């Protein structure tokens, strides 16, 4: 019975001894993800102070060699170096990989030659661009508006989501598609349909895990609150040039009745008209406003008025300050 108890104790001590012998060094972090061009740093700490040579390998190729006696030895790789951890008495070193590239992705290994060896994983991602197509949009209330977002030049496939007035849109309300382009990079596209209820800011955000803040592109949606009266919207866009036409001369006594009729001022197909038709209508109204101008002087067949105008003309030549103009309708 006593012999049976001694055997498990001996096995336990042997196991602890093996674990202690294996814990000769620490390598951290176990996994590191960086953006291409950024710096990658790994730390190797030796608990066995009897080590003599520490070798850092990148995907199996020797990158940096450190002698405990002589320090860092020359390396043929120019974008790698090592730094001694302060206060470690030379038993902890940081492997530094500058300006990481996609081909650096893989395993980073710290080898305490003849003592222990550990590896960590390095992932290198790429940040592309993101753009919501088109400019700010204009729509009548209740109309559905489509927004398109395109993110190009990313690795790996990035995550994408939409915000409307800083509120995250449910993933079921938009579609996402991706394709691989040249150099192993990815392009992601998405369409979002927004019901024009009120003026809003629509943003498309894209990111990979190495990004601390997503990249964002957005446009503004302006909603006309008067969907039942499109003519009001046209007048508000065109501005003061159409006021005289809309009021039939109440605001301008020199109003000409040869301009467009009330029917012409109205949007022909109602509030559900296509957005492009609305813009064409606005431009047409602006063209009308550009030539319906009231002349400063209207000649009359009345002799007295004609002579008065002639007198005014001669006066204006002699004294340009005292000018009196008459507008006759």
C-alpha atoms as a PDB file:
ATOM      1  CA  UNK A   1       0.000   0.000   0.000  1.00  0.00           C
ATOM      2  CA  UNK A   2       2.805   2.350   0.935  1.00  0.00           C
ATOM      3  CA  UNK A   3       4.647   1.473  -2.293  1.00  0.00           C
ATOM      4  CA  UNK A   4       1.574   2.375  -4.349  1.00  0.00           C
ATOM      5  CA  UNK A   5       1.476   5.851  -2.740  1.00  0.00           C
ATOM      6  CA  UNK A   6       5.181   6.493  -3.436  1.00  0.00           C
ATOM      7  CA  UNK A   7       4.794   5.848  -7.182  1.00  0.00           C
ATOM      8  CA  UNK A   8       2.201   8.561  -7.874  1.00  0.00           C
ATOM      9  CA  UNK A   9       4.262  11.050  -5.854  1.00  0.00           C
ATOM     10  CA  UNK A  10       7.332  10.267  -7.932  1.00  0.00           C
ATOM     11  CA  UNK A  11       5.350  10.744 -11.157  1.00  0.00           C
ATOM     12  CA  UNK A  12       4.049  14.108  -9.897  1.00  0.00           C
ATOM     13  CA  UNK A  13       7.538  15.341  -9.056  1.00  0.00           C
ATOM     14  CA  UNK A  14       8.826  14.226 -12.454  1.00  0.00           C
ATOM     15  CA  UNK A  15       5.985  16.072 -14.183  1.00  0.00           C
ATOM     16  CA  UNK A  16       6.714  19.286 -12.275  1.00  0.00           C
ATOM     17  CA  UNK A  17      10.368  18.962 -13.164  1.00  0.00           C
ATOM     18  CA  UNK A  18       9.556  18.636 -16.858  1.00  0.00           C
ATOM     19  CA  UNK A  19       7.276  21.700 -16.724  1.00  0.00           C
ATOM     20  CA  UNK A  20       9.965  23.710 -14.922  1.00  0.00           C
ATOM     21  CA  UNK A  21      12.555  22.666 -17.477  1.00  0.00           C
ATOM     22  CA  UNK A  22      10.202  23.666 -20.309  1.00  0.00           C
ATOM     23  CA  UNK A  23       9.442  27.112 -18.875  1.00  0.00           C
ATOM     24  CA  UNK A  24      12.835  28.537 -19.810  1.00  0.00           C
ATOM     25  CA  UNK A  25      11.450  31.578 -21.676  1.00  0.00           C
ATOM     26  CA  UNK A  26       8.357  33.640 -22.483  1.00  0.00           C
ATOM     27  CA  UNK A  27       7.378  35.091 -25.854  1.00  0.00           C
ATOM     28  CA  UNK A  28       4.592  37.656 -26.104  1.00  0.00           C
ATOM     29  CA  UNK A  29       2.236  38.590 -27.547  1.00  0.00           C
ATOM     30  CA  UNK A  30       1.122  35.204 -28.866  1.00  0.00           C
ATOM     31  CA  UNK A  31      -0.649  36.934 -31.790  1.00  0.00           C
ATOM     32  CA  UNK A  32      -0.134  40.412 -33.210  1.00  0.00           C
ATOM     33  CA  UNK A  33      -2.083  42.134 -35.999  1.00  0.00           C
ATOM     34  CA  UNK A  34      -0.777  45.342 -37.594  1.00  0.00           C
ATOM     35  CA  UNK A  35      -1.473  47.441 -40.676  1.00  0.00           C
ATOM     36  CA  UNK A  36       0.996  47.325 -43.533  1.00  0.00           C
ATOM     37  CA  UNK A  37       3.712  49.910 -42.933  1.00  0.00           C
ATOM     38  CA  UNK A  38       3.315  49.864 -39.165  1.00  0.00           C
ATOM     39  CA  UNK A  39       5.815  48.523 -36.615  1.00  0.00           C
ATOM     40  CA  UNK A  40       5.585  45.011 -35.142  1.00  0.00           C
ATOM     41  CA  UNK A  41       7.148  44.296 -31.710  1.00  0.00           C
ATOM     42  CA  UNK A  42       7.607  40.974 -29.877  1.00  0.00           C
ATOM     43  CA  UNK A  43       9.317  40.418 -26.505  1.00  0.00           C
ATOM     44  CA  UNK A  44      11.325  37.341 -25.533  1.00  0.00           C
ATOM     45  CA  UNK A  45      12.318  36.903 -21.843  1.00  0.00           C
ATOM     46  CA  UNK A  46      14.714  34.180 -20.729  1.00  0.00           C
ATOM     47  CA  UNK A  47      14.214  32.780 -17.247  1.00  0.00           C
ATOM     48  CA  UNK A  48      17.339  30.647 -17.639  1.00  0.00           C
ATOM     49  CA  UNK A  49      20.180  33.125 -17.240  1.00  0.00           C
ATOM     50  CA  UNK A  50      22.704  30.649 -18.618  1.00  0.00           C
ATOM     51  CA  UNK A  51      21.659  31.227 -22.224  1.00  0.00           C
ATOM     52  CA  UNK A  52      24.365  32.440 -24.612  1.00  0.00           C
ATOM     53  CA  UNK A  53      22.678  33.076 -27.980  1.00  0.00           C
ATOM     54  CA  UNK A  54      19.145  34.270 -28.814  1.00  0.00           C
ATOM     55  CA  UNK A  55      18.066  34.009 -32.455  1.00  0.00           C
ATOM     56  CA  UNK A  56      14.924  35.673 -33.857  1.00  0.00           C
ATOM     57  CA  UNK A  57      13.472  34.019 -36.944  1.00  0.00           C
ATOM     58  CA  UNK A  58      10.838  35.418 -39.325  1.00  0.00           C
ATOM     59  CA  UNK A  59       8.975  32.656 -41.174  1.00  0.00           C
ATOM     60  CA  UNK A  60      11.892  30.305 -40.524  1.00  0.00           C
ATOM     61  CA  UNK A  61      14.590  32.706 -41.723  1.00  0.00           C
ATOM     62  CA  UNK A  62      17.113  34.115 -39.264  1.00  0.00           C
ATOM     63  CA  UNK A  63      16.471  37.835 -38.828  1.00  0.00           C
ATOM     64  CA  UNK A  64      18.333  38.965 -35.696  1.00  0.00           C
ATOM     65  CA  UNK A  65      21.021  37.226 -33.633  1.00  0.00           C
ATOM     66  CA  UNK A  66      21.800  38.392 -30.086  1.00  0.00           C
ATOM     67  CA  UNK A  67      24.832  37.312 -28.094  1.00  0.00           C
ATOM     68  CA  UNK A  68      24.488  37.619 -24.337  1.00  0.00           C
ATOM     69  CA  UNK A  69      28.150  38.598 -24.244  1.00  0.00           C
ATOM     70  CA  UNK A  70      28.435  40.851 -27.326  1.00  0.00           C
ATOM     71  CA  UNK A  71      24.844  42.056 -27.897  1.00  0.00           C
ATOM     72  CA  UNK A  72      23.210  42.402 -31.326  1.00  0.00           C
ATOM     73  CA  UNK A  73      25.206  40.887 -34.169  1.00  0.00           C
ATOM     74  CA  UNK A  74      25.076  42.328 -37.723  1.00  0.00           C
ATOM     75  CA  UNK A  75      22.043  41.233 -39.789  1.00  0.00           C
ATOM     76  CA  UNK A  76      21.553  41.210 -43.571  1.00  0.00           C
ATOM     77  CA  UNK A  77      17.897  42.241 -43.104  1.00  0.00           C
ATOM     78  CA  UNK A  78      17.672  46.031 -42.917  1.00  0.00           C
ATOM     79  CA  UNK A  79      14.177  46.555 -41.518  1.00  0.00           C
ATOM     80  CA  UNK A  80      14.630  44.511 -38.325  1.00  0.00           C
ATOM     81  CA  UNK A  81      16.397  45.257 -35.064  1.00  0.00           C
ATOM     82  CA  UNK A  82      16.275  44.406 -31.361  1.00  0.00           C
ATOM     83  CA  UNK A  83      16.087  46.429 -28.155  1.00  0.00           C
ATOM     84  CA  UNK A  84      17.144  45.399 -24.669  1.00  0.00           C
ATOM     85  CA  UNK A  85      14.332  45.622 -22.115  1.00  0.00           C
ATOM     86  CA  UNK A  86      15.407  48.106 -19.402  1.00  0.00           C
ATOM     87  CA  UNK A  87      16.109  46.477 -16.007  1.00  0.00           C
ATOM     88  CA  UNK A  88      16.156  42.935 -17.415  1.00  0.00           C
ATOM     89  CA  UNK A  89      19.942  42.562 -17.053  1.00  0.00           C
ATOM     90  CA  UNK A  90      20.104  41.536 -20.694  1.00  0.00           C
ATOM     91  CA  UNK A  91      17.808  38.526 -20.386  1.00  0.00           C
ATOM     92  CA  UNK A  92      14.787  40.163 -22.154  1.00  0.00           C
ATOM     93  CA  UNK A  93      14.855  41.511 -25.694  1.00  0.00           C
ATOM     94  CA  UNK A  94      12.301  43.126 -28.014  1.00  0.00           C
ATOM     95  CA  UNK A  95      12.296  42.094 -31.656  1.00  0.00           C
ATOM     96  CA  UNK A  96      11.306  45.118 -33.808  1.00  0.00           C
ATOM     97  CA  UNK A  97      10.101  44.747 -37.386  1.00  0.00           C
ATOM     98  CA  UNK A  98       9.864  48.156 -39.093  1.00  0.00           C
ATOM     99  CA  UNK A  99       7.564  49.006 -42.010  1.00  0.00           C
ATOM    100  CA  UNK A 100       5.814  45.655 -42.153  1.00  0.00           C
ATOM    101  CA  UNK A 101       4.812  44.224 -45.520  1.00  0.00           C
ATOM    102  CA  UNK A 102       2.298  41.578 -46.453  1.00  0.00           C
ATOM    103  CA  UNK A 103       5.040  38.986 -47.029  1.00  0.00           C
ATOM    104  CA  UNK A 104       6.142  39.431 -43.374  1.00  0.00           C
ATOM    105  CA  UNK A 105       2.924  37.788 -42.238  1.00  0.00           C
ATOM    106  CA  UNK A 106       3.514  34.421 -40.598  1.00  0.00           C
ATOM    107  CA  UNK A 107       5.519  33.125 -37.635  1.00  0.00           C
ATOM    108  CA  UNK A 108       7.955  35.045 -35.446  1.00  0.00           C
ATOM    109  CA  UNK A 109      10.187  32.699 -33.445  1.00  0.00           C
ATOM    110  CA  UNK A 110      12.507  33.291 -30.477  1.00  0.00           C
ATOM    111  CA  UNK A 111      15.165  30.565 -30.192  1.00  0.00           C
ATOM    112  CA  UNK A 112      17.302  30.324 -27.047  1.00  0.00           C
ATOM    113  CA  UNK A 113      19.783  27.997 -28.661  1.00  0.00           C
ATOM    114  CA  UNK A 114      20.195  24.755 -26.763  1.00  0.00           C
ATOM    115  CA  UNK A 115      17.565  25.777 -24.149  1.00  0.00           C
ATOM    116  CA  UNK A 116      14.078  26.617 -25.506  1.00  0.00           C
ATOM    117  CA  UNK A 117      12.177  27.837 -28.560  1.00  0.00           C
ATOM    118  CA  UNK A 118       8.742  29.512 -28.951  1.00  0.00           C
ATOM    119  CA  UNK A 119       6.766  31.010 -31.842  1.00  0.00           C
ATOM    120  CA  UNK A 120       4.077  33.708 -32.197  1.00  0.00           C
ATOM    121  CA  UNK A 121       1.766  34.696 -35.083  1.00  0.00           C
ATOM    122  CA  UNK A 122       2.045  37.941 -37.034  1.00  0.00           C
ATOM    123  CA  UNK A 123      -0.826  39.165 -39.259  1.00  0.00           C
ATOM    124  CA  UNK A 124      -0.401  42.116 -41.629  1.00  0.00           C
ATOM    125  CA  UNK A 125      -3.554  43.848 -42.896  1.00  0.00           C
ATOM    126  CA  UNK A 126      -4.083  46.580 -45.474  1.00  0.00           C
ATOM    127  CA  UNK A 127      -6.235  49.692 -45.201  1.00  0.00           C
ATOM    128  CA  UNK A 128      -7.972  50.791 -48.384  1.00  0.00           C
ATOM    129  CA  UNK A 129     -10.446  53.579 -49.155  1.00  0.00           C
ATOM    130  CA  UNK A 130     -14.214  54.010 -48.746  1.00  0.00           C
ATOM    131  CA  UNK A 131     -16.581  56.233 -50.740  1.00  0.00           C
ATOM    132  CA  UNK A 132     -20.335  56.778 -50.850  1.00  0.00           C
ATOM    133  CA  UNK A 133     -21.212  57.363 -54.507  1.00  0.00           C
ATOM    134  CA  UNK A 134     -22.542  60.711 -55.667  1.00  0.00           C
ATOM    135  CA  UNK A 135     -23.150  64.002 -53.915  1.00  0.00           C
ATOM    136  CA  UNK A 136     -25.719  65.060 -51.338  1.00  0.00           C
ATOM    137  CA  UNK A 137     -29.210  63.925 -52.297  1.00  0.00           C
ATOM    138  CA  UNK A 138     -32.584  65.678 -52.494  1.00  0.00           C
ATOM    139  CA  UNK A 139     -35.937  63.871 -52.196  1.00  0.00           C
ATOM    140  CA  UNK A 140     -39.629  64.408 -51.471  1.00  0.00           C
ATOM    141  CA  UNK A 141     -40.931  63.091 -48.176  1.00  0.00           C
ATOM    142  CA  UNK A 142     -41.903  59.415 -48.425  1.00  0.00           C
ATOM    143  CA  UNK A 143     -39.683  58.708 -51.424  1.00  0.00           C
ATOM    144  CA  UNK A 144     -37.182  55.813 -51.251  1.00  0.00           C
ATOM    145  CA  UNK A 145     -33.559  56.856 -51.844  1.00  0.00           C
ATOM    146  CA  UNK A 146     -30.739  54.426 -52.722  1.00  0.00           C
ATOM    147  CA  UNK A 147     -27.198  54.977 -51.382  1.00  0.00           C
ATOM    148  CA  UNK A 148     -24.180  53.080 -52.734  1.00  0.00           C
ATOM    149  CA  UNK A 149     -20.919  52.494 -50.834  1.00  0.00           C
ATOM    150  CA  UNK A 150     -17.671  51.075 -52.252  1.00  0.00           C
ATOM    151  CA  UNK A 151     -14.560  50.118 -50.253  1.00  0.00           C
ATOM    152  CA  UNK A 152     -11.506  49.178 -52.362  1.00  0.00           C
ATOM    153  CA  UNK A 153      -7.954  48.017 -51.626  1.00  0.00           C
ATOM    154  CA  UNK A 154      -8.449  46.108 -48.347  1.00  0.00           C
ATOM    155  CA  UNK A 155      -6.926  42.958 -46.857  1.00  0.00           C
ATOM    156  CA  UNK A 156      -8.497  40.828 -45.554  1.00  0.00           C
ATOM    157  CA  UNK A 157     -12.170  41.333 -46.510  1.00  0.00           C
ATOM    158  CA  UNK A 158     -13.209  44.331 -44.374  1.00  0.00           C
ATOM    159  CA  UNK A 159     -16.354  44.733 -42.280  1.00  0.00           C
ATOM    160  CA  UNK A 160     -18.907  47.330 -43.440  1.00  0.00           C
ATOM    161  CA  UNK A 161     -21.920  48.946 -41.801  1.00  0.00           C
ATOM    162  CA  UNK A 162     -24.177  52.017 -42.243  1.00  0.00           C
ATOM    163  CA  UNK A 163     -25.196  54.849 -39.925  1.00  0.00           C
ATOM    164  CA  UNK A 164     -28.189  57.158 -40.392  1.00  0.00           C
ATOM    165  CA  UNK A 165     -27.950  60.182 -38.100  1.00  0.00           C
ATOM    166  CA  UNK A 166     -25.286  58.285 -36.089  1.00  0.00           C
ATOM    167  CA  UNK A 167     -27.655  55.363 -35.509  1.00  0.00           C
ATOM    168  CA  UNK A 168     -26.484  51.946 -36.709  1.00  0.00           C
ATOM    169  CA  UNK A 169     -28.651  50.426 -39.429  1.00  0.00           C
ATOM    170  CA  UNK A 170     -29.771  46.831 -38.979  1.00  0.00           C
ATOM    171  CA  UNK A 171     -27.670  44.470 -41.095  1.00  0.00           C
ATOM    172  CA  UNK A 172     -30.791  43.023 -42.691  1.00  0.00           C
ATOM    173  CA  UNK A 173     -31.602  46.375 -44.312  1.00  0.00           C
ATOM    174  CA  UNK A 174     -28.656  46.455 -46.729  1.00  0.00           C
ATOM    175  CA  UNK A 175     -26.695  44.036 -48.912  1.00  0.00           C
ATOM    176  CA  UNK A 176     -22.922  43.446 -49.037  1.00  0.00           C
ATOM    177  CA  UNK A 177     -20.853  41.875 -51.809  1.00  0.00           C
ATOM    178  CA  UNK A 178     -17.085  41.399 -52.084  1.00  0.00           C
ATOM    179  CA  UNK A 179     -14.574  40.489 -54.776  1.00  0.00           C
ATOM    180  CA  UNK A 180     -10.833  39.925 -54.887  1.00  0.00           C
ATOM    181  CA  UNK A 181      -8.885  42.317 -57.067  1.00  0.00           C
ATOM    182  CA  UNK A 182      -5.189  42.499 -57.974  1.00  0.00           C
ATOM    183  CA  UNK A 183      -2.425  41.817 -55.421  1.00  0.00           C
ATOM    184  CA  UNK A 184      -4.784  39.821 -53.231  1.00  0.00           C
ATOM    185  CA  UNK A 185      -6.752  42.907 -52.163  1.00  0.00           C
ATOM    186  CA  UNK A 186     -10.524  43.013 -51.756  1.00  0.00           C
ATOM    187  CA  UNK A 187     -13.317  45.376 -52.805  1.00  0.00           C
ATOM    188  CA  UNK A 188     -16.588  45.458 -50.863  1.00  0.00           C
ATOM    189  CA  UNK A 189     -19.807  47.086 -52.134  1.00  0.00           C
ATOM    190  CA  UNK A 190     -23.110  47.780 -50.390  1.00  0.00           C
ATOM    191  CA  UNK A 191     -26.490  49.352 -51.227  1.00  0.00           C
ATOM    192  CA  UNK A 192     -28.790  50.923 -48.644  1.00  0.00           C
ATOM    193  CA  UNK A 193     -32.381  52.080 -49.232  1.00  0.00           C
ATOM    194  CA  UNK A 194     -33.540  54.939 -47.001  1.00  0.00           C
ATOM    195  CA  UNK A 195     -37.128  56.197 -46.773  1.00  0.00           C
ATOM    196  CA  UNK A 196     -37.053  59.997 -46.915  1.00  0.00           C
ATOM    197  CA  UNK A 197     -38.783  60.859 -43.642  1.00  0.00           C
ATOM    198  CA  UNK A 198     -36.564  63.743 -42.518  1.00  0.00           C
ATOM    199  CA  UNK A 199     -33.277  65.342 -43.500  1.00  0.00           C
ATOM    200  CA  UNK A 200     -30.457  63.034 -42.404  1.00  0.00           C
ATOM    201  CA  UNK A 201     -26.742  62.290 -42.626  1.00  0.00           C
ATOM    202  CA  UNK A 202     -25.997  58.854 -44.121  1.00  0.00           C
ATOM    203  CA  UNK A 203     -22.550  57.355 -43.398  1.00  0.00           C
ATOM    204  CA  UNK A 204     -20.800  54.197 -44.613  1.00  0.00           C
ATOM    205  CA  UNK A 205     -18.085  52.821 -42.290  1.00  0.00           C
ATOM    206  CA  UNK A 206     -15.451  50.198 -43.127  1.00  0.00           C
ATOM    207  CA  UNK A 207     -12.736  48.604 -40.981  1.00  0.00           C
ATOM    208  CA  UNK A 208     -10.368  45.701 -40.374  1.00  0.00           C
ATOM    209  CA  UNK A 209      -9.330  44.531 -36.905  1.00  0.00           C
ATOM    210  CA  UNK A 210      -6.013  46.436 -36.928  1.00  0.00           C
ATOM    211  CA  UNK A 211      -7.823  49.772 -37.365  1.00  0.00           C
ATOM    212  CA  UNK A 212      -8.582  51.578 -34.124  1.00  0.00           C
ATOM    213  CA  UNK A 213     -11.194  53.775 -35.860  1.00  0.00           C
ATOM    214  CA  UNK A 214     -13.248  52.784 -38.950  1.00  0.00           C
ATOM    215  CA  UNK A 215     -12.881  54.772 -42.152  1.00  0.00           C
ATOM    216  CA  UNK A 216     -16.040  56.752 -42.944  1.00  0.00           C
ATOM    217  CA  UNK A 217     -17.658  58.369 -45.956  1.00  0.00           C
ATOM    218  CA  UNK A 218     -21.038  60.107 -45.892  1.00  0.00           C
ATOM    219  CA  UNK A 219     -23.523  62.311 -47.705  1.00  0.00           C
ATOM    220  CA  UNK A 220     -26.506  64.381 -46.632  1.00  0.00           C
ATOM    221  CA  UNK A 221     -30.119  63.595 -47.516  1.00  0.00           C
ATOM    222  CA  UNK A 222     -32.334  66.687 -47.665  1.00  0.00           C
ATOM    223  CA  UNK A 223     -36.064  65.967 -47.516  1.00  0.00           C
ATOM    224  CA  UNK A 224     -38.773  68.314 -48.850  1.00  0.00           C
ATOM    225  CA  UNK A 225     -41.483  68.369 -46.154  1.00  0.00           C
ATOM    226  CA  UNK A 226     -44.173  69.556 -48.638  1.00  0.00           C
ATOM    227  CA  UNK A 227     -44.630  66.517 -50.853  1.00  0.00           C
ATOM    228  CA  UNK A 228     -48.205  67.590 -51.776  1.00  0.00           C
ATOM    229  CA  UNK A 229     -47.051  70.867 -53.318  1.00  0.00           C
ATOM    230  CA  UNK A 230     -43.896  70.407 -55.428  1.00  0.00           C
ATOM    231  CA  UNK A 231     -44.212  73.978 -56.807  1.00  0.00           C
ATOM    232  CA  UNK A 232     -43.383  75.315 -53.351  1.00  0.00           C
ATOM    233  CA  UNK A 233     -40.188  73.300 -53.377  1.00  0.00           C
ATOM    234  CA  UNK A 234     -39.208  74.585 -56.830  1.00  0.00           C
ATOM    235  CA  UNK A 235     -39.730  78.187 -55.721  1.00  0.00           C
ATOM    236  CA  UNK A 236     -37.650  77.666 -52.577  1.00  0.00           C
ATOM    237  CA  UNK A 237     -34.733  76.272 -54.598  1.00  0.00           C
ATOM    238  CA  UNK A 238     -34.790  78.818 -57.410  1.00  0.00           C
ATOM    239  CA  UNK A 239     -35.141  81.705 -54.942  1.00  0.00           C
ATOM    240  CA  UNK A 240     -36.286  85.260 -55.412  1.00  0.00           C
ATOM    241  CA  UNK A 241     -36.149  85.196 -59.209  1.00  0.00           C
ATOM    242  CA  UNK A 242     -39.449  83.246 -59.319  1.00  0.00           C
ATOM    243  CA  UNK A 243     -41.315  85.192 -56.622  1.00  0.00           C
ATOM    244  CA  UNK A 244     -42.771  87.636 -59.127  1.00  0.00           C
ATOM    245  CA  UNK A 245     -44.011  84.810 -61.323  1.00  0.00           C
ATOM    246  CA  UNK A 246     -45.587  82.868 -58.461  1.00  0.00           C
ATOM    247  CA  UNK A 247     -47.363  85.965 -57.071  1.00  0.00           C
ATOM    248  CA  UNK A 248     -48.478  87.360 -60.464  1.00  0.00           C
ATOM    249  CA  UNK A 249     -46.936  90.782 -59.854  1.00  0.00           C
ATOM    250  CA  UNK A 250     -48.161  91.395 -56.320  1.00  0.00           C
ATOM    251  CA  UNK A 251     -44.568  91.821 -55.175  1.00  0.00           C
ATOM    252  CA  UNK A 252     -43.361  93.521 -58.375  1.00  0.00           C
ATOM    253  CA  UNK A 253     -45.518  96.083 -60.184  1.00  0.00           C
ATOM    254  CA  UNK A 254     -43.423  95.569 -63.278  1.00  0.00           C
ATOM    255  CA  UNK A 255     -44.414  91.883 -63.550  1.00  0.00           C
ATOM    256  CA  UNK A 256     -44.833  90.666 -67.135  1.00  0.00           C
ATOM    257  CA  UNK A 257     -47.751  88.312 -67.783  1.00  0.00           C
ATOM    258  CA  UNK A 258     -45.912  86.723 -70.707  1.00  0.00           C
ATOM    259  CA  UNK A 259     -44.100  84.301 -68.369  1.00  0.00           C
ATOM    260  CA  UNK A 260     -45.062  80.685 -67.596  1.00  0.00           C
ATOM    261  CA  UNK A 261     -48.571  79.909 -66.443  1.00  0.00           C
ATOM    262  CA  UNK A 262     -49.646  78.393 -63.134  1.00  0.00           C
ATOM    263  CA  UNK A 263     -49.835  75.016 -64.876  1.00  0.00           C
ATOM    264  CA  UNK A 264     -46.228  75.352 -66.034  1.00  0.00           C
ATOM    265  CA  UNK A 265     -45.085  76.123 -62.486  1.00  0.00           C
ATOM    266  CA  UNK A 266     -46.525  72.836 -61.223  1.00  0.00           C
ATOM    267  CA  UNK A 267     -44.583  69.576 -61.338  1.00  0.00           C
ATOM    268  CA  UNK A 268     -46.403  67.572 -64.073  1.00  0.00           C
ATOM    269  CA  UNK A 269     -46.215  64.150 -62.483  1.00  0.00           C
ATOM    270  CA  UNK A 270     -46.806  65.021 -58.826  1.00  0.00           C
ATOM    271  CA  UNK A 271     -44.693  64.257 -55.740  1.00  0.00           C
ATOM    272  CA  UNK A 272     -43.723  60.817 -57.024  1.00  0.00           C
ATOM    273  CA  UNK A 273     -41.793  62.289 -59.998  1.00  0.00           C
ATOM    274  CA  UNK A 274     -38.304  61.054 -60.641  1.00  0.00           C
ATOM    275  CA  UNK A 275     -35.524  63.059 -58.984  1.00  0.00           C
ATOM    276  CA  UNK A 276     -33.907  63.911 -62.337  1.00  0.00           C
ATOM    277  CA  UNK A 277     -37.183  65.351 -63.648  1.00  0.00           C
ATOM    278  CA  UNK A 278     -37.358  67.566 -60.578  1.00  0.00           C
ATOM    279  CA  UNK A 279     -33.891  68.963 -61.246  1.00  0.00           C
ATOM    280  CA  UNK A 280     -34.727  69.551 -64.938  1.00  0.00           C
ATOM    281  CA  UNK A 281     -37.868  71.400 -63.910  1.00  0.00           C
ATOM    282  CA  UNK A 282     -35.907  73.623 -61.529  1.00  0.00           C
ATOM    283  CA  UNK A 283     -33.385  74.461 -64.232  1.00  0.00           C
ATOM    284  CA  UNK A 284     -36.203  75.253 -66.705  1.00  0.00           C
ATOM    285  CA  UNK A 285     -37.760  77.651 -64.200  1.00  0.00           C
ATOM    286  CA  UNK A 286     -34.402  79.317 -63.685  1.00  0.00           C
ATOM    287  CA  UNK A 287     -34.139  79.815 -67.471  1.00  0.00           C
ATOM    288  CA  UNK A 288     -37.581  81.516 -67.477  1.00  0.00           C
ATOM    289  CA  UNK A 289     -36.479  83.808 -64.668  1.00  0.00           C
ATOM    290  CA  UNK A 290     -33.332  84.801 -66.558  1.00  0.00           C
ATOM    291  CA  UNK A 291     -35.163  86.659 -69.393  1.00  0.00           C
ATOM    292  CA  UNK A 292     -38.448  87.884 -67.859  1.00  0.00           C
ATOM    293  CA  UNK A 293     -36.936  91.184 -66.730  1.00  0.00           C
ATOM    294  CA  UNK A 294     -38.846  94.450 -66.311  1.00  0.00           C
ATOM    295  CA  UNK A 295     -37.329  97.315 -68.359  1.00  0.00           C
ATOM    296  CA  UNK A 296     -36.355 100.478 -66.564  1.00  0.00           C
ATOM    297  CA  UNK A 297     -38.255 102.725 -69.082  1.00  0.00           C
ATOM    298  CA  UNK A 298     -41.193 101.738 -71.288  1.00  0.00           C
ATOM    299  CA  UNK A 299     -41.791 104.132 -74.221  1.00  0.00           C
ATOM    300  CA  UNK A 300     -45.314 105.412 -74.726  1.00  0.00           C
ATOM    301  CA  UNK A 301     -47.116 107.008 -77.665  1.00  0.00           C
ATOM    302  CA  UNK A 302     -48.252 109.815 -75.355  1.00  0.00           C
ATOM    303  CA  UNK A 303     -46.457 112.950 -76.679  1.00  0.00           C
ATOM    304  CA  UNK A 304     -46.223 114.626 -73.292  1.00  0.00           C
ATOM    305  CA  UNK A 305     -44.749 111.546 -71.726  1.00  0.00           C
ATOM    306  CA  UNK A 306     -42.384 111.159 -74.669  1.00  0.00           C
ATOM    307  CA  UNK A 307     -41.173 114.720 -74.341  1.00  0.00           C
ATOM    308  CA  UNK A 308     -40.793 114.265 -70.618  1.00  0.00           C
ATOM    309  CA  UNK A 309     -38.620 111.225 -71.247  1.00  0.00           C
ATOM    310  CA  UNK A 310     -36.514 113.225 -73.705  1.00  0.00           C
ATOM    311  CA  UNK A 311     -36.121 115.962 -71.131  1.00  0.00           C
ATOM    312  CA  UNK A 312     -35.029 113.437 -68.598  1.00  0.00           C
ATOM    313  CA  UNK A 313     -32.542 111.978 -71.038  1.00  0.00           C
ATOM    314  CA  UNK A 314     -30.922 115.347 -71.674  1.00  0.00           C
ATOM    315  CA  UNK A 315     -30.870 116.052 -67.973  1.00  0.00           C
ATOM    316  CA  UNK A 316     -29.158 112.747 -67.306  1.00  0.00           C
ATOM    317  CA  UNK A 317     -26.410 113.744 -69.740  1.00  0.00           C
ATOM    318  CA  UNK A 318     -25.817 117.015 -67.945  1.00  0.00           C
ATOM    319  CA  UNK A 319     -26.218 115.802 -64.410  1.00  0.00           C
ATOM    320  CA  UNK A 320     -26.015 112.031 -63.996  1.00  0.00           C
ATOM    321  CA  UNK A 321     -26.879 112.293 -60.301  1.00  0.00           C
ATOM    322  CA  UNK A 322     -30.464 113.567 -60.785  1.00  0.00           C
ATOM    323  CA  UNK A 323     -32.035 110.682 -62.696  1.00  0.00           C
ATOM    324  CA  UNK A 324     -35.712 109.807 -62.493  1.00  0.00           C
ATOM    325  CA  UNK A 325     -36.914 106.555 -64.082  1.00  0.00           C
ATOM    326  CA  UNK A 326     -40.504 105.609 -64.811  1.00  0.00           C
ATOM    327  CA  UNK A 327     -41.718 102.030 -65.181  1.00  0.00           C
ATOM    328  CA  UNK A 328     -44.964 101.687 -67.128  1.00  0.00           C
ATOM    329  CA  UNK A 329     -46.951  98.470 -67.425  1.00  0.00           C
END
